[in-house]
Amino acid sequence: MNELNRITVNPDLCGGRPCIRGMRIRVKDILNLLAAGATREEILADYPYLENEDITAVLEYAARQSDHPVLSVA
C-alpha cells in the first residue's frame, strides 16, 4: 500500500501545506474530519471529487509523519 503520490506540496497552494492531488483539500482537513467521527463514506459524499485512495493516502502520510527516531540515553 503506497498512495503517497496522491499527497502534494506546492508553496503556492494552501501555504505549502500537504494537500490531496494538488487540490485545496489539505491532509489536515481530512484528518480533522476523521478525528471528528466522519466515515470514509461521509467524506466521499461531501467531497465527490475525492477518491477512497485519497483518504488512504492521508492516513499513510500522517502515519509516516508521526514516526521518529528513538534515541537511547547512555
PDB file of N, CA and C in Angstrom:
ATOM      1  N   MET A   1       0.850  -1.174   0.000  1.00  0.00           N
ATOM      2  CA  MET A   1       0.000   0.000   0.000  1.00  0.00           C
ATOM      3  C   MET A   1       0.893   1.233   0.000  1.00  0.00           C
ATOM      4  N   ASN A   2       0.912   1.954  -1.086  1.00  0.00           N
ATOM      5  CA  ASN A   2       1.640   3.201  -1.139  1.00  0.00           C
ATOM      6  C   ASN A   2       0.884   4.178  -2.027  1.00  0.00           C
ATOM      7  N   GLU A   3       0.115   5.005  -1.379  1.00  0.00           N
ATOM      8  CA  GLU A   3      -0.678   6.006  -2.091  1.00  0.00           C
ATOM      9  C   GLU A   3      -0.090   7.401  -1.902  1.00  0.00           C
ATOM     10  N   LEU A   4       1.134   7.486  -1.401  1.00  0.00           N
ATOM     11  CA  LEU A   4       1.709   8.780  -1.055  1.00  0.00           C
ATOM     12  C   LEU A   4       1.858   9.717  -2.256  1.00  0.00           C
ATOM     13  N   ASN A   5       1.861   9.182  -3.459  1.00  0.00           N
ATOM     14  CA  ASN A   5       1.959  10.050  -4.635  1.00  0.00           C
ATOM     15  C   ASN A   5       0.734  10.954  -4.767  1.00  0.00           C
ATOM     16  N   ARG A   6      -0.322  10.670  -4.039  1.00  0.00           N
ATOM     17  CA  ARG A   6      -1.530  11.493  -4.054  1.00  0.00           C
ATOM     18  C   ARG A   6      -1.389  12.735  -3.179  1.00  0.00           C
ATOM     19  N   ILE A   7      -0.385  12.755  -2.311  1.00  0.00           N
ATOM     20  CA  ILE A   7      -0.157  13.894  -1.433  1.00  0.00           C
ATOM     21  C   ILE A   7       0.851  14.819  -2.110  1.00  0.00           C
ATOM     22  N   THR A   8       0.448  16.070  -2.290  1.00  0.00           N
ATOM     23  CA  THR A   8       1.304  17.028  -2.976  1.00  0.00           C
ATOM     24  C   THR A   8       1.570  18.224  -2.074  1.00  0.00           C
ATOM     25  N   VAL A   9       2.724  18.833  -2.287  1.00  0.00           N
ATOM     26  CA  VAL A   9       3.086  20.054  -1.569  1.00  0.00           C
ATOM     27  C   VAL A   9       3.500  21.082  -2.606  1.00  0.00           C
ATOM     28  N   ASN A  10       2.791  22.194  -2.611  1.00  0.00           N
ATOM     29  CA  ASN A  10       3.054  23.274  -3.555  1.00  0.00           C
ATOM     30  C   ASN A  10       3.089  24.573  -2.754  1.00  0.00           C
ATOM     31  N   PRO A  11       4.199  25.294  -2.786  1.00  0.00           N
ATOM     32  CA  PRO A  11       4.284  26.524  -1.995  1.00  0.00           C
ATOM     33  C   PRO A  11       3.223  27.568  -2.356  1.00  0.00           C
ATOM     34  N   ASP A  12       2.628  27.461  -3.535  1.00  0.00           N
ATOM     35  CA  ASP A  12       1.601  28.409  -3.964  1.00  0.00           C
ATOM     36  C   ASP A  12       0.179  27.950  -3.647  1.00  0.00           C
ATOM     37  N   LEU A  13       0.055  26.821  -2.961  1.00  0.00           N
ATOM     38  CA  LEU A  13      -1.262  26.254  -2.673  1.00  0.00           C
ATOM     39  C   LEU A  13      -1.370  25.969  -1.177  1.00  0.00           C
ATOM     40  N   CYS A  14      -2.343  26.571  -0.540  1.00  0.00           N
ATOM     41  CA  CYS A  14      -2.598  26.362   0.894  1.00  0.00           C
ATOM     42  C   CYS A  14      -1.359  26.617   1.750  1.00  0.00           C
ATOM     43  N   GLY A  15      -0.599  27.597   1.375  1.00  0.00           N
ATOM     44  CA  GLY A  15       0.574  27.959   2.165  1.00  0.00           C
ATOM     45  C   GLY A  15       1.649  26.900   2.210  1.00  0.00           C
ATOM     46  N   GLY A  16       1.668  26.031   1.216  1.00  0.00           N
ATOM     47  CA  GLY A  16       2.681  24.978   1.168  1.00  0.00           C
ATOM     48  C   GLY A  16       2.360  23.778   2.036  1.00  0.00           C
ATOM     49  N   ARG A  17       1.161  23.735   2.581  1.00  0.00           N
ATOM     50  CA  ARG A  17       0.770  22.583   3.405  1.00  0.00           C
ATOM     51  C   ARG A  17       0.425  21.400   2.497  1.00  0.00           C
ATOM     52  N   PRO A  18       0.614  20.186   3.006  1.00  0.00           N
ATOM     53  CA  PRO A  18       0.306  18.999   2.202  1.00  0.00           C
ATOM     54  C   PRO A  18      -1.174  18.948   1.826  1.00  0.00           C
ATOM     55  N   CYS A  19      -1.429  18.714   0.545  1.00  0.00           N
ATOM     56  CA  CYS A  19      -2.792  18.652   0.007  1.00  0.00           C
ATOM     57  C   CYS A  19      -2.985  17.339  -0.751  1.00  0.00           C
ATOM     58  N   ILE A  20      -4.216  17.117  -1.141  1.00  0.00           N
ATOM     59  CA  ILE A  20      -4.546  15.922  -1.906  1.00  0.00           C
ATOM     60  C   ILE A  20      -4.568  16.267  -3.387  1.00  0.00           C
ATOM     61  N   ARG A  21      -3.714  15.625  -4.148  1.00  0.00           N
ATOM     62  CA  ARG A  21      -3.657  15.725  -5.608  1.00  0.00           C
ATOM     63  C   ARG A  21      -3.723  17.146  -6.135  1.00  0.00           C
ATOM     64  N   GLY A  22      -3.039  18.072  -5.478  1.00  0.00           N
ATOM     65  CA  GLY A  22      -2.983  19.438  -5.963  1.00  0.00           C
ATOM     66  C   GLY A  22      -4.264  20.224  -5.781  1.00  0.00           C
ATOM     67  N   MET A  23      -5.233  19.672  -5.065  1.00  0.00           N
ATOM     68  CA  MET A  23      -6.483  20.385  -4.796  1.00  0.00           C
ATOM     69  C   MET A  23      -6.336  21.164  -3.493  1.00  0.00           C
ATOM     70  N   ARG A  24      -7.278  21.991  -3.225  1.00  0.00           N
ATOM     71  CA  ARG A  24      -7.253  22.784  -1.997  1.00  0.00           C
ATOM     72  C   ARG A  24      -7.897  22.038  -0.825  1.00  0.00           C
ATOM     73  N   ILE A  25      -7.668  20.772  -0.773  1.00  0.00           N
ATOM     74  CA  ILE A  25      -8.085  19.952   0.368  1.00  0.00           C
ATOM     75  C   ILE A  25      -6.814  19.498   1.059  1.00  0.00           C
ATOM     76  N   ARG A  26      -6.601  20.022   2.267  1.00  0.00           N
ATOM     77  CA  ARG A  26      -5.370  19.700   2.989  1.00  0.00           C
ATOM     78  C   ARG A  26      -5.479  18.349   3.681  1.00  0.00           C
ATOM     79  N   VAL A  27      -4.349  17.726   3.870  1.00  0.00           N
ATOM     80  CA  VAL A  27      -4.284  16.482   4.642  1.00  0.00           C
ATOM     81  C   VAL A  27      -4.944  16.707   5.994  1.00  0.00           C
ATOM     82  N   LYS A  28      -4.636  17.825   6.618  1.00  0.00           N
ATOM     83  CA  LYS A  28      -5.184  18.161   7.936  1.00  0.00           C
ATOM     84  C   LYS A  28      -6.708  18.212   7.921  1.00  0.00           C
ATOM     85  N   ASP A  29      -7.297  18.710   6.842  1.00  0.00           N
ATOM     86  CA  ASP A  29      -8.761  18.788   6.753  1.00  0.00           C
ATOM     87  C   ASP A  29      -9.391  17.406   6.854  1.00  0.00           C
ATOM     88  N   ILE A  30      -8.835  16.453   6.128  1.00  0.00           N
ATOM     89  CA  ILE A  30      -9.377  15.094   6.144  1.00  0.00           C
ATOM     90  C   ILE A  30      -9.115  14.432   7.495  1.00  0.00           C
ATOM     91  N   LEU A  31      -7.934  14.655   8.057  1.00  0.00           N
ATOM     92  CA  LEU A  31      -7.645  14.101   9.387  1.00  0.00           C
ATOM     93  C   LEU A  31      -8.615  14.652  10.429  1.00  0.00           C
ATOM     94  N   ASN A  32      -8.909  15.942  10.355  1.00  0.00           N
ATOM     95  CA  ASN A  32      -9.867  16.539  11.293  1.00  0.00           C
ATOM     96  C   ASN A  32     -11.250  15.914  11.148  1.00  0.00           C
ATOM     97  N   LEU A  33     -11.678  15.682   9.922  1.00  0.00           N
ATOM     98  CA  LEU A  33     -12.978  15.046   9.696  1.00  0.00           C
ATOM     99  C   LEU A  33     -13.008  13.636  10.286  1.00  0.00           C
ATOM    100  N   LEU A  34     -11.953  12.874  10.035  1.00  0.00           N
ATOM    101  CA  LEU A  34     -11.883  11.516  10.577  1.00  0.00           C
ATOM    102  C   LEU A  34     -11.853  11.535  12.104  1.00  0.00           C
ATOM    103  N   ALA A  35     -11.087  12.455  12.678  1.00  0.00           N
ATOM    104  CA  ALA A  35     -10.993  12.559  14.135  1.00  0.00           C
ATOM    105  C   ALA A  35     -12.338  12.947  14.760  1.00  0.00           C
ATOM    106  N   ALA A  36     -13.144  13.690  14.007  1.00  0.00           N
ATOM    107  CA  ALA A  36     -14.458  14.106  14.491  1.00  0.00           C
ATOM    108  C   ALA A  36     -15.503  12.997  14.341  1.00  0.00           C
ATOM    109  N   GLY A  37     -15.101  11.881  13.743  1.00  0.00           N
ATOM    110  CA  GLY A  37     -16.011  10.745  13.634  1.00  0.00           C
ATOM    111  C   GLY A  37     -16.622  10.531  12.266  1.00  0.00           C
ATOM    112  N   ALA A  38     -16.250  11.336  11.282  1.00  0.00           N
ATOM    113  CA  ALA A  38     -16.789  11.141   9.931  1.00  0.00           C
ATOM    114  C   ALA A  38     -16.249   9.843   9.343  1.00  0.00           C
ATOM    115  N   THR A  39     -17.091   9.146   8.630  1.00  0.00           N
ATOM    116  CA  THR A  39     -16.663   7.921   7.962  1.00  0.00           C
ATOM    117  C   THR A  39     -16.123   8.265   6.580  1.00  0.00           C
ATOM    118  N   ARG A  40     -15.426   7.302   5.999  1.00  0.00           N
ATOM    119  CA  ARG A  40     -14.946   7.491   4.622  1.00  0.00           C
ATOM    120  C   ARG A  40     -16.109   7.800   3.695  1.00  0.00           C
ATOM    121  N   GLU A  41     -17.193   7.069   3.876  1.00  0.00           N
ATOM    122  CA  GLU A  41     -18.355   7.236   3.009  1.00  0.00           C
ATOM    123  C   GLU A  41     -18.922   8.652   3.118  1.00  0.00           C
ATOM    124  N   GLU A  42     -18.979   9.187   4.343  1.00  0.00           N
ATOM    125  CA  GLU A  42     -19.491  10.544   4.532  1.00  0.00           C
ATOM    126  C   GLU A  42     -18.571  11.570   3.878  1.00  0.00           C
ATOM    127  N   ILE A  43     -17.267  11.398   4.050  1.00  0.00           N
ATOM    128  CA  ILE A  43     -16.306  12.325   3.452  1.00  0.00           C
ATOM    129  C   ILE A  43     -16.408  12.285   1.935  1.00  0.00           C
ATOM    130  N   LEU A  44     -16.477  11.088   1.375  1.00  0.00           N
ATOM    131  CA  LEU A  44     -16.566  10.958  -0.083  1.00  0.00           C
ATOM    132  C   LEU A  44     -17.874  11.527  -0.624  1.00  0.00           C
ATOM    133  N   ALA A  45     -18.946  11.436   0.163  1.00  0.00           N
ATOM    134  CA  ALA A  45     -20.223  12.016  -0.266  1.00  0.00           C
ATOM    135  C   ALA A  45     -20.165  13.546  -0.225  1.00  0.00           C
ATOM    136  N   ASP A  46     -19.491  14.088   0.792  1.00  0.00           N
ATOM    137  CA  ASP A  46     -19.387  15.549   0.925  1.00  0.00           C
ATOM    138  C   ASP A  46     -18.391  16.153  -0.060  1.00  0.00           C
ATOM    139  N   TYR A  47     -17.402  15.375  -0.455  1.00  0.00           N
ATOM    140  CA  TYR A  47     -16.354  15.832  -1.379  1.00  0.00           C
ATOM    141  C   TYR A  47     -16.283  14.842  -2.547  1.00  0.00           C
ATOM    142  N   PRO A  48     -17.214  14.923  -3.482  1.00  0.00           N
ATOM    143  CA  PRO A  48     -17.317  13.918  -4.548  1.00  0.00           C
ATOM    144  C   PRO A  48     -16.103  13.838  -5.469  1.00  0.00           C
ATOM    145  N   TYR A  49     -15.250  14.838  -5.455  1.00  0.00           N
ATOM    146  CA  TYR A  49     -14.046  14.808  -6.282  1.00  0.00           C
ATOM    147  C   TYR A  49     -12.909  14.053  -5.611  1.00  0.00           C
ATOM    148  N   LEU A  50     -13.097  13.635  -4.357  1.00  0.00           N
ATOM    149  CA  LEU A  50     -12.102  12.794  -3.686  1.00  0.00           C
ATOM    150  C   LEU A  50     -12.376  11.334  -4.006  1.00  0.00           C
ATOM    151  N   GLU A  51     -11.348  10.535  -3.858  1.00  0.00           N
ATOM    152  CA  GLU A  51     -11.453   9.087  -4.062  1.00  0.00           C
ATOM    153  C   GLU A  51     -11.041   8.376  -2.776  1.00  0.00           C
ATOM    154  N   ASN A  52     -11.516   7.167  -2.620  1.00  0.00           N
ATOM    155  CA  ASN A  52     -11.199   6.384  -1.435  1.00  0.00           C
ATOM    156  C   ASN A  52      -9.685   6.307  -1.208  1.00  0.00           C
ATOM    157  N   GLU A  53      -8.926   6.196  -2.282  1.00  0.00           N
ATOM    158  CA  GLU A  53      -7.468   6.111  -2.179  1.00  0.00           C
ATOM    159  C   GLU A  53      -6.862   7.400  -1.629  1.00  0.00           C
ATOM    160  N   ASP A  54      -7.541   8.522  -1.799  1.00  0.00           N
ATOM    161  CA  ASP A  54      -7.066   9.790  -1.234  1.00  0.00           C
ATOM    162  C   ASP A  54      -7.078   9.733   0.291  1.00  0.00           C
ATOM    163  N   ILE A  55      -8.120   9.159   0.849  1.00  0.00           N
ATOM    164  CA  ILE A  55      -8.213   9.043   2.303  1.00  0.00           C
ATOM    165  C   ILE A  55      -7.147   8.079   2.815  1.00  0.00           C
ATOM    166  N   THR A  56      -6.926   7.003   2.094  1.00  0.00           N
ATOM    167  CA  THR A  56      -5.850   6.082   2.457  1.00  0.00           C
ATOM    168  C   THR A  56      -4.507   6.800   2.429  1.00  0.00           C
ATOM    169  N   ALA A  57      -4.296   7.638   1.426  1.00  0.00           N
ATOM    170  CA  ALA A  57      -3.050   8.396   1.314  1.00  0.00           C
ATOM    171  C   ALA A  57      -2.876   9.336   2.500  1.00  0.00           C
ATOM    172  N   VAL A  58      -3.948   9.997   2.908  1.00  0.00           N
ATOM    173  CA  VAL A  58      -3.889  10.903   4.061  1.00  0.00           C
ATOM    174  C   VAL A  58      -3.455  10.136   5.309  1.00  0.00           C
ATOM    175  N   LEU A  59      -4.056   8.986   5.532  1.00  0.00           N
ATOM    176  CA  LEU A  59      -3.714   8.194   6.718  1.00  0.00           C
ATOM    177  C   LEU A  59      -2.280   7.688   6.655  1.00  0.00           C
ATOM    178  N   GLU A  60      -1.864   7.256   5.489  1.00  0.00           N
ATOM    179  CA  GLU A  60      -0.492   6.786   5.323  1.00  0.00           C
ATOM    180  C   GLU A  60       0.496   7.933   5.554  1.00  0.00           C
ATOM    181  N   TYR A  61       0.190   9.096   5.013  1.00  0.00           N
ATOM    182  CA  TYR A  61       1.052  10.266   5.186  1.00  0.00           C
ATOM    183  C   TYR A  61       1.167  10.623   6.669  1.00  0.00           C
ATOM    184  N   ALA A  62       0.041  10.663   7.356  1.00  0.00           N
ATOM    185  CA  ALA A  62       0.042  11.008   8.780  1.00  0.00           C
ATOM    186  C   ALA A  62       0.819   9.981   9.600  1.00  0.00           C
ATOM    187  N   ALA A  63       0.673   8.719   9.261  1.00  0.00           N
ATOM    188  CA  ALA A  63       1.394   7.674   9.985  1.00  0.00           C
ATOM    189  C   ALA A  63       2.896   7.837   9.805  1.00  0.00           C
ATOM    190  N   ARG A  64       3.316   8.140   8.606  1.00  0.00           N
ATOM    191  CA  ARG A  64       4.752   8.330   8.361  1.00  0.00           C
ATOM    192  C   ARG A  64       5.277   9.587   9.040  1.00  0.00           C
ATOM    193  N   GLN A  65       4.467  10.623   9.114  1.00  0.00           N
ATOM    194  CA  GLN A  65       4.897  11.861   9.758  1.00  0.00           C
ATOM    195  C   GLN A  65       5.043  11.690  11.263  1.00  0.00           C
ATOM    196  N   SER A  66       4.279  10.781  11.838  1.00  0.00           N
ATOM    197  CA  SER A  66       4.332  10.601  13.294  1.00  0.00           C
ATOM    198  C   SER A  66       5.486   9.697  13.727  1.00  0.00           C
ATOM    199  N   ASP A  67       6.140   9.058  12.777  1.00  0.00           N
ATOM    200  CA  ASP A  67       7.279   8.203  13.101  1.00  0.00           C
ATOM    201  C   ASP A  67       8.495   9.092  13.361  1.00  0.00           C
ATOM    202  N   HIS A  68       9.306   8.676  14.306  1.00  0.00           N
ATOM    203  CA  HIS A  68      10.505   9.449  14.624  1.00  0.00           C
ATOM    204  C   HIS A  68      11.570   8.497  15.150  1.00  0.00           C
ATOM    205  N   PRO A  69      12.825   8.881  15.018  1.00  0.00           N
ATOM    206  CA  PRO A  69      13.885   8.008  15.530  1.00  0.00           C
ATOM    207  C   PRO A  69      13.835   7.950  17.058  1.00  0.00           C
ATOM    208  N   VAL A  70      14.164   6.809  17.576  1.00  0.00           N
ATOM    209  CA  VAL A  70      14.229   6.626  19.019  1.00  0.00           C
ATOM    210  C   VAL A  70      15.679   6.752  19.445  1.00  0.00           C
ATOM    211  N   LEU A  71      15.932   7.683  20.328  1.00  0.00           N
ATOM    212  CA  LEU A  71      17.285   7.898  20.823  1.00  0.00           C
ATOM    213  C   LEU A  71      17.435   7.197  22.163  1.00  0.00           C
ATOM    214  N   SER A  72      18.490   6.489  22.310  1.00  0.00           N
ATOM    215  CA  SER A  72      18.722   5.859  23.616  1.00  0.00           C
ATOM    216  C   SER A  72      19.714   6.694  24.404  1.00  0.00           C
ATOM    217  N   VAL A  73      19.469   6.789  25.682  1.00  0.00           N
ATOM    218  CA  VAL A  73      20.331   7.551  26.551  1.00  0.00           C
ATOM    219  C   VAL A  73      21.337   6.614  27.188  1.00  0.00           C
ATOM    220  N   ALA A  74      22.606   6.980  27.124  1.00  0.00           N
ATOM    221  CA  ALA A  74      23.665   6.117  27.665  1.00  0.00           C
ATOM    222  C   ALA A  74      23.721   6.165  29.166  1.00  0.00           C
TER     223      ALA A  74
END
